[in-house]
């Protein structure tokens, strides 16, 4: 059985360090690690990682996402999403592949994208394999 993993390990090129506070949007083509707090939208054509101390209060768009921290906003991911054991996502999620580890918290709607779907995550007319509303117990 194939093991679920991120496409590749990207070199971190943008870092918001623990204790840092950014107010405003972040946009780039490179891999981003958030260990501080960002109030604003984050967009990358690579991987977004939210470290255990990381908080994003805004919408996130990325090629892949690995969460150990908190996102309060919608998360749109073209490829794979991993919600780690300490992560919290409060918002809607669009992704092609999803792994939710024990201990992760997710409150929102999940849309699983078809792998053949070409990616305009702003388009609500895209084909989906499944839709699921997830609410806390």
Protein backbone atom coordinates (compact mmCIF):
# COMPACT_ATOMS: atom_id res chain seq x y z
CA UNK A 1 0.00 0.00 0.00
CA UNK A 2 1.32 3.41 -0.94
CA UNK A 3 2.10 5.58 2.03
CA UNK A 4 0.56 9.07 2.07
CA UNK A 5 3.16 11.79 2.04
CA UNK A 6 3.80 15.27 0.78
CA UNK A 7 5.01 15.46 -2.84
CA UNK A 8 8.50 16.41 -1.81
CA UNK A 9 10.29 18.22 0.94
CA UNK A 10 10.59 21.81 -0.16
CA UNK A 11 13.36 24.03 1.09
CA UNK A 12 11.87 26.69 3.36
CA UNK A 13 12.46 30.02 1.64
CA UNK A 14 10.10 32.25 3.61
CA UNK A 15 9.89 32.09 7.40
CA UNK A 16 7.66 33.93 9.84
CA UNK A 17 9.42 33.07 13.07
CA UNK A 18 7.94 32.31 16.46
CA UNK A 19 6.95 35.56 18.19
CA UNK A 20 6.72 37.48 14.90
CA UNK A 21 3.45 39.22 14.00
CA UNK A 22 2.63 40.06 10.38
CA UNK A 23 -0.43 42.15 9.54
CA UNK A 24 -1.09 41.98 5.81
CA UNK A 25 -1.09 39.50 2.96
CA UNK A 26 1.84 37.26 2.01
CA UNK A 27 2.19 36.14 -1.61
CA UNK A 28 4.99 34.12 -3.16
CA UNK A 29 6.07 31.20 -5.29
CA UNK A 30 8.21 29.55 -2.63
CA UNK A 31 7.76 27.33 0.40
CA UNK A 32 6.56 29.18 3.51
CA UNK A 33 6.82 28.24 7.19
CA UNK A 34 4.62 30.14 9.63
CA UNK A 35 5.67 29.80 13.28
CA UNK A 36 4.45 33.25 14.29
CA UNK A 37 1.12 35.02 13.69
CA UNK A 38 -0.17 36.27 10.33
CA UNK A 39 -3.35 38.33 10.09
CA UNK A 40 -4.06 38.35 6.37
CA UNK A 41 -4.23 36.01 3.41
CA UNK A 42 -1.31 33.74 2.49
CA UNK A 43 -0.79 32.51 -1.09
CA UNK A 44 2.03 30.35 -2.44
CA UNK A 45 2.51 28.11 -5.46
CA UNK A 46 4.53 25.78 -3.24
CA UNK A 47 4.05 24.34 0.26
CA UNK A 48 2.63 26.18 3.26
CA UNK A 49 3.67 24.82 6.64
CA UNK A 50 2.07 26.11 9.82
CA UNK A 51 4.27 25.18 12.78
CA UNK A 52 2.89 24.26 16.18
CA UNK A 53 3.15 27.89 17.37
CA UNK A 54 1.90 29.28 14.04
CA UNK A 55 -1.42 31.07 13.57
CA UNK A 56 -2.95 32.36 10.34
CA UNK A 57 -6.09 34.50 10.57
CA UNK A 58 -7.01 34.68 6.90
CA UNK A 59 -7.48 32.57 3.81
CA UNK A 60 -4.68 30.34 2.52
CA UNK A 61 -4.00 29.08 -1.02
CA UNK A 62 -1.13 26.67 -1.70
CA UNK A 63 0.01 23.69 -3.73
CA UNK A 64 0.30 21.60 -0.55
CA UNK A 65 -0.26 22.24 3.15
CA UNK A 66 1.14 20.74 6.35
CA UNK A 67 -0.53 22.02 9.51
CA UNK A 68 0.63 21.68 13.08
CA UNK A 69 -0.75 25.07 14.14
CA UNK A 70 -3.93 27.07 13.56
CA UNK A 71 -5.70 28.45 10.50
CA UNK A 72 -8.83 30.53 11.00
CA UNK A 73 -9.98 30.94 7.41
CA UNK A 74 -10.51 28.93 4.25
CA UNK A 75 -7.76 26.62 2.99
CA UNK A 76 -7.52 25.91 -0.77
CA UNK A 77 -4.89 23.31 -1.69
CA UNK A 78 -4.22 21.94 -5.18
CA UNK A 79 -2.54 18.72 -4.04
CA UNK A 80 -2.17 17.27 -0.53
CA UNK A 81 -3.19 18.53 2.90
CA UNK A 82 -1.99 17.10 6.22
CA UNK A 83 -3.70 18.13 9.46
CA UNK A 84 -1.22 17.15 12.16
CA UNK A 85 -2.13 16.05 15.70
CA UNK A 86 -2.01 19.57 17.20
CA UNK A 87 -3.52 21.42 14.24
CA UNK A 88 -6.76 23.37 14.19
CA UNK A 89 -8.56 24.42 11.01
CA UNK A 90 -11.65 26.58 11.38
CA UNK A 91 -12.86 27.21 7.84
CA UNK A 92 -13.65 25.45 4.59
CA UNK A 93 -11.10 23.16 2.94
CA UNK A 94 -10.63 22.28 -0.75
CA UNK A 95 -7.97 19.68 -1.52
CA UNK A 96 -7.20 16.66 -3.70
CA UNK A 97 -5.70 14.49 -0.95
CA UNK A 98 -6.31 14.75 2.79
CA UNK A 99 -4.75 13.17 5.86
CA UNK A 100 -6.19 14.02 9.29
CA UNK A 101 -4.06 12.75 12.15
CA UNK A 102 -5.51 11.85 15.53
CA UNK A 103 -5.85 14.96 17.69
CA UNK A 104 -6.39 17.38 14.79
CA UNK A 105 -9.44 19.64 15.00
CA UNK A 106 -11.39 20.65 11.89
CA UNK A 107 -14.55 22.72 11.81
CA UNK A 108 -15.85 23.55 8.36
CA UNK A 109 -16.80 22.13 5.00
CA UNK A 110 -14.47 19.86 3.04
CA UNK A 111 -14.55 19.56 -0.75
CA UNK A 112 -12.38 16.81 -2.22
CA UNK A 113 -11.24 17.92 -5.67
CA UNK A 114 -11.02 15.50 -8.56
CA UNK A 115 -7.37 14.94 -9.56
CA UNK A 116 -8.20 15.83 -13.15
CA UNK A 117 -9.69 19.17 -12.11
CA UNK A 118 -7.61 22.04 -13.39
CA UNK A 119 -7.04 24.39 -10.58
CA UNK A 120 -8.92 27.54 -10.28
CA UNK A 121 -9.83 27.27 -6.63
CA UNK A 122 -11.99 30.38 -6.91
CA UNK A 123 -14.34 28.58 -9.31
CA UNK A 124 -17.30 27.01 -7.50
CA UNK A 125 -18.28 24.98 -10.59
CA UNK A 126 -15.37 22.53 -10.29
CA UNK A 127 -15.94 18.75 -10.25
CA UNK A 128 -15.76 17.15 -6.84
CA UNK A 129 -15.50 13.57 -5.66
CA UNK A 130 -17.14 14.20 -2.32
CA UNK A 131 -18.44 16.94 -0.07
CA UNK A 132 -18.54 16.67 3.67
CA UNK A 133 -19.63 19.08 6.39
CA UNK A 134 -17.48 18.64 9.48
CA UNK A 135 -18.59 20.05 12.81
CA UNK A 136 -17.10 19.70 16.28
CA UNK A 137 -18.61 17.06 18.52
